[in-house]
Amino acid sequence: MHDTALPAKPRGLALMLGWRRIRFTLGLSIVCGLVLPYGWNSRRLWVVTGTVILGLIAMLMFGLFEQWPKRLPRWLES
């Protein structure tokens, strides 16, 4: 009989910086950055750059709190 090992679930930075997650964040940030500057006097490149930076920071924070703490505090569990 053949043993087929299932790939281990990524953890740490591999989970936080997964290609699918980065691709989604960049796509959504760029779309939002292209839509936002209508009616503003700022340059479109600066708005897109700002939304991409904020999107990547939000992605990293989500990845951090997705993994830490390992267990919820007793008062928060339900």
PDB file of N, CA and C in Angstrom:
ATOM      1  N   MET A   1       0.833  -1.160   0.000  1.00  0.00           N
ATOM      2  CA  MET A   1       0.000   0.000   0.000  1.00  0.00           C
ATOM      3  C   MET A   1       0.893   1.243   0.000  1.00  0.00           C
ATOM      4  N   HIS A   2       0.482   2.271  -0.731  1.00  0.00           N
ATOM      5  CA  HIS A   2       1.273   3.494  -0.834  1.00  0.00           C
ATOM      6  C   HIS A   2       0.847   4.478   0.240  1.00  0.00           C
ATOM      7  N   ASP A   3       1.840   5.075   0.855  1.00  0.00           N
ATOM      8  CA  ASP A   3       1.575   6.125   1.827  1.00  0.00           C
ATOM      9  C   ASP A   3       1.645   7.470   1.125  1.00  0.00           C
ATOM     10  N   THR A   4       0.563   8.205   1.155  1.00  0.00           N
ATOM     11  CA  THR A   4       0.574   9.538   0.578  1.00  0.00           C
ATOM     12  C   THR A   4       0.485  10.531   1.717  1.00  0.00           C
ATOM     13  N   ALA A   5       1.510  11.307   1.867  1.00  0.00           N
ATOM     14  CA  ALA A   5       1.553  12.285   2.944  1.00  0.00           C
ATOM     15  C   ALA A   5       0.806  13.542   2.505  1.00  0.00           C
ATOM     16  N   LEU A   6      -0.052  14.018   3.366  1.00  0.00           N
ATOM     17  CA  LEU A   6      -0.741  15.262   3.100  1.00  0.00           C
ATOM     18  C   LEU A   6       0.201  16.417   3.409  1.00  0.00           C
ATOM     19  N   PRO A   7       0.158  17.452   2.596  1.00  0.00           N
ATOM     20  CA  PRO A   7       1.042  18.584   2.884  1.00  0.00           C
ATOM     21  C   PRO A   7       0.633  19.246   4.201  1.00  0.00           C
ATOM     22  N   ALA A   8       1.628  19.627   4.979  1.00  0.00           N
ATOM     23  CA  ALA A   8       1.361  20.262   6.262  1.00  0.00           C
ATOM     24  C   ALA A   8       0.772  21.647   6.042  1.00  0.00           C
ATOM     25  N   LYS A   9      -0.137  22.032   6.930  1.00  0.00           N
ATOM     26  CA  LYS A   9      -0.721  23.362   6.836  1.00  0.00           C
ATOM     27  C   LYS A   9       0.362  24.391   7.138  1.00  0.00           C
ATOM     28  N   PRO A  10       0.492  25.407   6.281  1.00  0.00           N
ATOM     29  CA  PRO A  10       1.538  26.398   6.531  1.00  0.00           C
ATOM     30  C   PRO A  10       1.293  27.141   7.835  1.00  0.00           C
ATOM     31  N   ARG A  11       2.384  27.538   8.485  1.00  0.00           N
ATOM     32  CA  ARG A  11       2.302  28.288   9.731  1.00  0.00           C
ATOM     33  C   ARG A  11       3.284  29.442   9.674  1.00  0.00           C
ATOM     34  N   GLY A  12       3.144  30.347  10.593  1.00  0.00           N
ATOM     35  CA  GLY A  12       4.076  31.462  10.695  1.00  0.00           C
ATOM     36  C   GLY A  12       4.033  32.378   9.481  1.00  0.00           C
ATOM     37  N   LEU A  13       5.197  32.770   9.022  1.00  0.00           N
ATOM     38  CA  LEU A  13       5.270  33.681   7.881  1.00  0.00           C
ATOM     39  C   LEU A  13       4.753  33.046   6.600  1.00  0.00           C
ATOM     40  N   ALA A  14       4.875  31.734   6.480  1.00  0.00           N
ATOM     41  CA  ALA A  14       4.370  31.069   5.271  1.00  0.00           C
ATOM     42  C   ALA A  14       2.860  31.235   5.158  1.00  0.00           C
ATOM     43  N   LEU A  15       2.158  31.234   6.281  1.00  0.00           N
ATOM     44  CA  LEU A  15       0.714  31.440   6.262  1.00  0.00           C
ATOM     45  C   LEU A  15       0.383  32.919   6.053  1.00  0.00           C
ATOM     46  N   MET A  16       1.125  33.788   6.739  1.00  0.00           N
ATOM     47  CA  MET A  16       0.847  35.218   6.648  1.00  0.00           C
ATOM     48  C   MET A  16       1.158  35.782   5.264  1.00  0.00           C
ATOM     49  N   LEU A  17       2.161  35.223   4.602  1.00  0.00           N
ATOM     50  CA  LEU A  17       2.592  35.753   3.308  1.00  0.00           C
ATOM     51  C   LEU A  17       2.324  34.782   2.170  1.00  0.00           C
ATOM     52  N   GLY A  18       1.221  34.070   2.245  1.00  0.00           N
ATOM     53  CA  GLY A  18       0.854  33.150   1.177  1.00  0.00           C
ATOM     54  C   GLY A  18       0.535  33.905  -0.108  1.00  0.00           C
ATOM     55  N   TRP A  19       0.858  33.311  -1.233  1.00  0.00           N
ATOM     56  CA  TRP A  19       0.692  33.985  -2.518  1.00  0.00           C
ATOM     57  C   TRP A  19      -0.756  34.357  -2.794  1.00  0.00           C
ATOM     58  N   ARG A  20      -1.695  33.487  -2.452  1.00  0.00           N
ATOM     59  CA  ARG A  20      -3.114  33.801  -2.688  1.00  0.00           C
ATOM     60  C   ARG A  20      -3.547  35.009  -1.868  1.00  0.00           C
ATOM     61  N   ARG A  21      -3.072  35.086  -0.630  1.00  0.00           N
ATOM     62  CA  ARG A  21      -3.427  36.186   0.260  1.00  0.00           C
ATOM     63  C   ARG A  21      -2.841  37.504  -0.240  1.00  0.00           C
ATOM     64  N   ILE A  22      -1.600  37.488  -0.687  1.00  0.00           N
ATOM     65  CA  ILE A  22      -0.963  38.705  -1.198  1.00  0.00           C
ATOM     66  C   ILE A  22      -1.639  39.155  -2.490  1.00  0.00           C
ATOM     67  N   ARG A  23      -1.932  38.211  -3.358  1.00  0.00           N
ATOM     68  CA  ARG A  23      -2.575  38.541  -4.639  1.00  0.00           C
ATOM     69  C   ARG A  23      -3.948  39.179  -4.412  1.00  0.00           C
ATOM     70  N   PHE A  24      -4.737  38.629  -3.497  1.00  0.00           N
ATOM     71  CA  PHE A  24      -6.055  39.188  -3.197  1.00  0.00           C
ATOM     72  C   PHE A  24      -5.925  40.593  -2.613  1.00  0.00           C
ATOM     73  N   THR A  25      -5.008  40.766  -1.662  1.00  0.00           N
ATOM     74  CA  THR A  25      -4.824  42.062  -1.009  1.00  0.00           C
ATOM     75  C   THR A  25      -4.377  43.123  -2.012  1.00  0.00           C
ATOM     76  N   LEU A  26      -3.409  42.777  -2.856  1.00  0.00           N
ATOM     77  CA  LEU A  26      -2.939  43.750  -3.851  1.00  0.00           C
ATOM     78  C   LEU A  26      -4.045  44.105  -4.843  1.00  0.00           C
ATOM     79  N   GLY A  27      -4.784  43.109  -5.300  1.00  0.00           N
ATOM     80  CA  GLY A  27      -5.862  43.368  -6.259  1.00  0.00           C
ATOM     81  C   GLY A  27      -6.934  44.280  -5.691  1.00  0.00           C
ATOM     82  N   LEU A  28      -7.387  43.975  -4.477  1.00  0.00           N
ATOM     83  CA  LEU A  28      -8.428  44.787  -3.849  1.00  0.00           C
ATOM     84  C   LEU A  28      -7.911  46.191  -3.530  1.00  0.00           C
ATOM     85  N   SER A  29      -6.679  46.290  -3.069  1.00  0.00           N
ATOM     86  CA  SER A  29      -6.108  47.596  -2.743  1.00  0.00           C
ATOM     87  C   SER A  29      -5.949  48.463  -3.986  1.00  0.00           C
ATOM     88  N   ILE A  30      -5.505  47.875  -5.071  1.00  0.00           N
ATOM     89  CA  ILE A  30      -5.326  48.649  -6.307  1.00  0.00           C
ATOM     90  C   ILE A  30      -6.668  49.121  -6.850  1.00  0.00           C
ATOM     91  N   VAL A  31      -7.669  48.256  -6.821  1.00  0.00           N
ATOM     92  CA  VAL A  31      -9.000  48.660  -7.290  1.00  0.00           C
ATOM     93  C   VAL A  31      -9.544  49.802  -6.433  1.00  0.00           C
ATOM     94  N   CYS A  32      -9.438  49.670  -5.120  1.00  0.00           N
ATOM     95  CA  CYS A  32      -9.909  50.743  -4.234  1.00  0.00           C
ATOM     96  C   CYS A  32      -9.109  52.019  -4.454  1.00  0.00           C
ATOM     97  N   GLY A  33      -7.807  51.891  -4.643  1.00  0.00           N
ATOM     98  CA  GLY A  33      -6.973  53.062  -4.876  1.00  0.00           C
ATOM     99  C   GLY A  33      -7.267  53.761  -6.183  1.00  0.00           C
ATOM    100  N   LEU A  34      -7.725  53.021  -7.182  1.00  0.00           N
ATOM    101  CA  LEU A  34      -8.076  53.640  -8.462  1.00  0.00           C
ATOM    102  C   LEU A  34      -9.426  54.329  -8.410  1.00  0.00           C
ATOM    103  N   VAL A  35     -10.315  53.858  -7.547  1.00  0.00           N
ATOM    104  CA  VAL A  35     -11.649  54.442  -7.449  1.00  0.00           C
ATOM    105  C   VAL A  35     -11.655  55.666  -6.529  1.00  0.00           C
ATOM    106  N   LEU A  36     -10.827  55.674  -5.496  1.00  0.00           N
ATOM    107  CA  LEU A  36     -10.846  56.739  -4.492  1.00  0.00           C
ATOM    108  C   LEU A  36     -10.520  58.143  -4.997  1.00  0.00           C
ATOM    109  N   PRO A  37      -9.547  58.348  -5.865  1.00  0.00           N
ATOM    110  CA  PRO A  37      -9.124  59.736  -6.112  1.00  0.00           C
ATOM    111  C   PRO A  37     -10.095  60.595  -6.919  1.00  0.00           C
ATOM    112  N   TYR A  38     -11.205  60.061  -7.387  1.00  0.00           N
ATOM    113  CA  TYR A  38     -12.142  60.902  -8.123  1.00  0.00           C
ATOM    114  C   TYR A  38     -12.716  61.942  -7.172  1.00  0.00           C
ATOM    115  N   GLY A  39     -12.568  63.189  -7.530  1.00  0.00           N
ATOM    116  CA  GLY A  39     -13.037  64.274  -6.689  1.00  0.00           C
ATOM    117  C   GLY A  39     -11.974  64.810  -5.751  1.00  0.00           C
ATOM    118  N   TRP A  40     -10.803  64.198  -5.720  1.00  0.00           N
ATOM    119  CA  TRP A  40      -9.699  64.690  -4.892  1.00  0.00           C
ATOM    120  C   TRP A  40      -8.691  65.401  -5.774  1.00  0.00           C
ATOM    121  N   ASN A  41      -7.888  66.226  -5.169  1.00  0.00           N
ATOM    122  CA  ASN A  41      -6.867  66.944  -5.921  1.00  0.00           C
ATOM    123  C   ASN A  41      -5.511  66.255  -5.878  1.00  0.00           C
ATOM    124  N   SER A  42      -5.416  65.139  -5.186  1.00  0.00           N
ATOM    125  CA  SER A  42      -4.129  64.445  -5.073  1.00  0.00           C
ATOM    126  C   SER A  42      -3.888  63.571  -6.305  1.00  0.00           C
ATOM    127  N   ARG A  43      -2.647  63.174  -6.454  1.00  0.00           N
ATOM    128  CA  ARG A  43      -2.278  62.351  -7.596  1.00  0.00           C
ATOM    129  C   ARG A  43      -2.722  60.914  -7.371  1.00  0.00           C
ATOM    130  N   ARG A  44      -3.123  60.277  -8.430  1.00  0.00           N
ATOM    131  CA  ARG A  44      -3.642  58.917  -8.356  1.00  0.00           C
ATOM    132  C   ARG A  44      -2.587  57.924  -7.855  1.00  0.00           C
ATOM    133  N   LEU A  45      -1.342  58.089  -8.253  1.00  0.00           N
ATOM    134  CA  LEU A  45      -0.285  57.173  -7.837  1.00  0.00           C
ATOM    135  C   LEU A  45      -0.114  57.170  -6.326  1.00  0.00           C
ATOM    136  N   TRP A  46      -0.197  58.347  -5.693  1.00  0.00           N
ATOM    137  CA  TRP A  46      -0.047  58.426  -4.238  1.00  0.00           C
ATOM    138  C   TRP A  46      -1.210  57.741  -3.527  1.00  0.00           C
ATOM    139  N   VAL A  47      -2.409  57.883  -4.071  1.00  0.00           N
ATOM    140  CA  VAL A  47      -3.575  57.242  -3.446  1.00  0.00           C
ATOM    141  C   VAL A  47      -3.466  55.724  -3.576  1.00  0.00           C
ATOM    142  N   VAL A  48      -3.082  55.232  -4.745  1.00  0.00           N
ATOM    143  CA  VAL A  48      -2.936  53.787  -4.945  1.00  0.00           C
ATOM    144  C   VAL A  48      -1.824  53.240  -4.044  1.00  0.00           C
ATOM    145  N   THR A  49      -0.718  53.961  -3.958  1.00  0.00           N
ATOM    146  CA  THR A  49       0.380  53.530  -3.096  1.00  0.00           C
ATOM    147  C   THR A  49      -0.065  53.461  -1.642  1.00  0.00           C
ATOM    148  N   GLY A  50      -0.798  54.459  -1.197  1.00  0.00           N
ATOM    149  CA  GLY A  50      -1.290  54.472   0.180  1.00  0.00           C
ATOM    150  C   GLY A  50      -2.246  53.333   0.469  1.00  0.00           C
ATOM    151  N   THR A  51      -3.156  53.057  -0.466  1.00  0.00           N
ATOM    152  CA  THR A  51      -4.101  51.963  -0.229  1.00  0.00           C
ATOM    153  C   THR A  51      -3.404  50.607  -0.261  1.00  0.00           C
ATOM    154  N   VAL A  52      -2.387  50.451  -1.094  1.00  0.00           N
ATOM    155  CA  VAL A  52      -1.642  49.185  -1.121  1.00  0.00           C
ATOM    156  C   VAL A  52      -0.895  48.989   0.195  1.00  0.00           C
ATOM    157  N   ILE A  53      -0.269  50.043   0.702  1.00  0.00           N
ATOM    158  CA  ILE A  53       0.450  49.939   1.979  1.00  0.00           C
ATOM    159  C   ILE A  53      -0.522  49.602   3.109  1.00  0.00           C
ATOM    160  N   LEU A  54      -1.652  50.295   3.163  1.00  0.00           N
ATOM    161  CA  LEU A  54      -2.643  49.997   4.203  1.00  0.00           C
ATOM    162  C   LEU A  54      -3.200  48.584   4.061  1.00  0.00           C
ATOM    163  N   GLY A  55      -3.417  48.137   2.844  1.00  0.00           N
ATOM    164  CA  GLY A  55      -3.909  46.780   2.627  1.00  0.00           C
ATOM    165  C   GLY A  55      -2.916  45.733   3.098  1.00  0.00           C
ATOM    166  N   LEU A  56      -1.636  45.935   2.808  1.00  0.00           N
ATOM    167  CA  LEU A  56      -0.616  44.978   3.241  1.00  0.00           C
ATOM    168  C   LEU A  56      -0.462  44.972   4.760  1.00  0.00           C
ATOM    169  N   ILE A  57      -0.553  46.139   5.393  1.00  0.00           N
ATOM    170  CA  ILE A  57      -0.498  46.195   6.857  1.00  0.00           C
ATOM    171  C   ILE A  57      -1.690  45.466   7.453  1.00  0.00           C
ATOM    172  N   ALA A  58      -2.882  45.675   6.895  1.00  0.00           N
ATOM    173  CA  ALA A  58      -4.067  44.981   7.395  1.00  0.00           C
ATOM    174  C   ALA A  58      -3.939  43.471   7.196  1.00  0.00           C
ATOM    175  N   MET A  59      -3.370  43.044   6.081  1.00  0.00           N
ATOM    176  CA  MET A  59      -3.164  41.614   5.836  1.00  0.00           C
ATOM    177  C   MET A  59      -2.210  41.016   6.872  1.00  0.00           C
ATOM    178  N   LEU A  60      -1.134  41.722   7.182  1.00  0.00           N
ATOM    179  CA  LEU A  60      -0.187  41.225   8.177  1.00  0.00           C
ATOM    180  C   LEU A  60      -0.810  41.181   9.569  1.00  0.00           C
ATOM    181  N   MET A  61      -1.609  42.172   9.918  1.00  0.00           N
ATOM    182  CA  MET A  61      -2.281  42.151  11.227  1.00  0.00           C
ATOM    183  C   MET A  61      -3.284  41.001  11.308  1.00  0.00           C
ATOM    184  N   PHE A  62      -4.014  40.765  10.223  1.00  0.00           N
ATOM    185  CA  PHE A  62      -4.934  39.640  10.202  1.00  0.00           C
ATOM    186  C   PHE A  62      -4.176  38.332  10.381  1.00  0.00           C
ATOM    187  N   GLY A  63      -3.064  38.185   9.688  1.00  0.00           N
ATOM    188  CA  GLY A  63      -2.259  36.971   9.807  1.00  0.00           C
ATOM    189  C   GLY A  63      -1.688  36.784  11.200  1.00  0.00           C
ATOM    190  N   LEU A  64      -1.306  37.880  11.836  1.00  0.00           N
ATOM    191  CA  LEU A  64      -0.774  37.793  13.201  1.00  0.00           C
ATOM    192  C   LEU A  64      -1.850  37.339  14.177  1.00  0.00           C
ATOM    193  N   PHE A  65      -3.006  37.962  14.136  1.00  0.00           N
ATOM    194  CA  PHE A  65      -4.058  37.619  15.085  1.00  0.00           C
ATOM    195  C   PHE A  65      -4.797  36.342  14.713  1.00  0.00           C
ATOM    196  N   GLU A  66      -4.564  35.848  13.511  1.00  0.00           N
ATOM    197  CA  GLU A  66      -5.103  34.543  13.129  1.00  0.00           C
ATOM    198  C   GLU A  66      -4.354  33.425  13.855  1.00  0.00           C
ATOM    199  N   GLN A  67      -3.088  33.655  14.171  1.00  0.00           N
ATOM    200  CA  GLN A  67      -2.245  32.618  14.754  1.00  0.00           C
ATOM    201  C   GLN A  67      -1.987  32.817  16.244  1.00  0.00           C
ATOM    202  N   TRP A  68      -2.160  34.018  16.747  1.00  0.00           N
ATOM    203  CA  TRP A  68      -1.833  34.293  18.123  1.00  0.00           C
ATOM    204  C   TRP A  68      -3.020  34.936  18.802  1.00  0.00           C
ATOM    205  N   PRO A  69      -3.419  34.531  19.929  1.00  0.00           N
ATOM    206  CA  PRO A  69      -2.904  33.442  20.754  1.00  0.00           C
ATOM    207  C   PRO A  69      -3.400  32.093  20.245  1.00  0.00           C
ATOM    208  N   LYS A  70      -2.713  31.044  20.628  1.00  0.00           N
ATOM    209  CA  LYS A  70      -3.082  29.699  20.166  1.00  0.00           C
ATOM    210  C   LYS A  70      -4.481  29.326  20.648  1.00  0.00           C
ATOM    211  N   ARG A  71      -4.781  29.681  21.890  1.00  0.00           N
ATOM    212  CA  ARG A  71      -6.114  29.425  22.448  1.00  0.00           C
ATOM    213  C   ARG A  71      -6.699  30.742  22.923  1.00  0.00           C
ATOM    214  N   LEU A  72      -7.994  30.879  22.773  1.00  0.00           N
ATOM    215  CA  LEU A  72      -8.651  32.080  23.254  1.00  0.00           C
ATOM    216  C   LEU A  72      -8.660  32.081  24.781  1.00  0.00           C
ATOM    217  N   PRO A  73      -8.673  33.245  25.399  1.00  0.00           N
ATOM    218  CA  PRO A  73      -8.802  33.299  26.850  1.00  0.00           C
ATOM    219  C   PRO A  73     -10.126  32.675  27.288  1.00  0.00           C
ATOM    220  N   ARG A  74     -10.146  32.159  28.496  1.00  0.00           N
ATOM    221  CA  ARG A  74     -11.337  31.451  28.993  1.00  0.00           C
ATOM    222  C   ARG A  74     -12.568  32.347  28.975  1.00  0.00           C
ATOM    223  N   TRP A  75     -12.414  33.626  29.294  1.00  0.00           N
ATOM    224  CA  TRP A  75     -13.557  34.526  29.343  1.00  0.00           C
ATOM    225  C   TRP A  75     -14.115  34.853  27.964  1.00  0.00           C
ATOM    226  N   LEU A  76     -13.324  34.601  26.912  1.00  0.00           N
ATOM    227  CA  LEU A  76     -13.765  34.900  25.553  1.00  0.00           C
ATOM    228  C   LEU A  76     -14.346  33.679  24.846  1.00  0.00           C
ATOM    229  N   GLU A  77     -14.016  32.485  25.330  1.00  0.00           N
ATOM    230  CA  GLU A  77     -14.556  31.278  24.725  1.00  0.00           C
ATOM    231  C   GLU A  77     -16.059  31.194  24.994  1.00  0.00           C
ATOM    232  N   SER A  78     -16.780  30.660  24.025  1.00  0.00           N
ATOM    233  CA  SER A  78     -18.212  30.459  24.264  1.00  0.00           C
ATOM    234  C   SER A  78     -18.688  29.177  23.646  1.00  0.00           C
TER     235      SER A  78
END
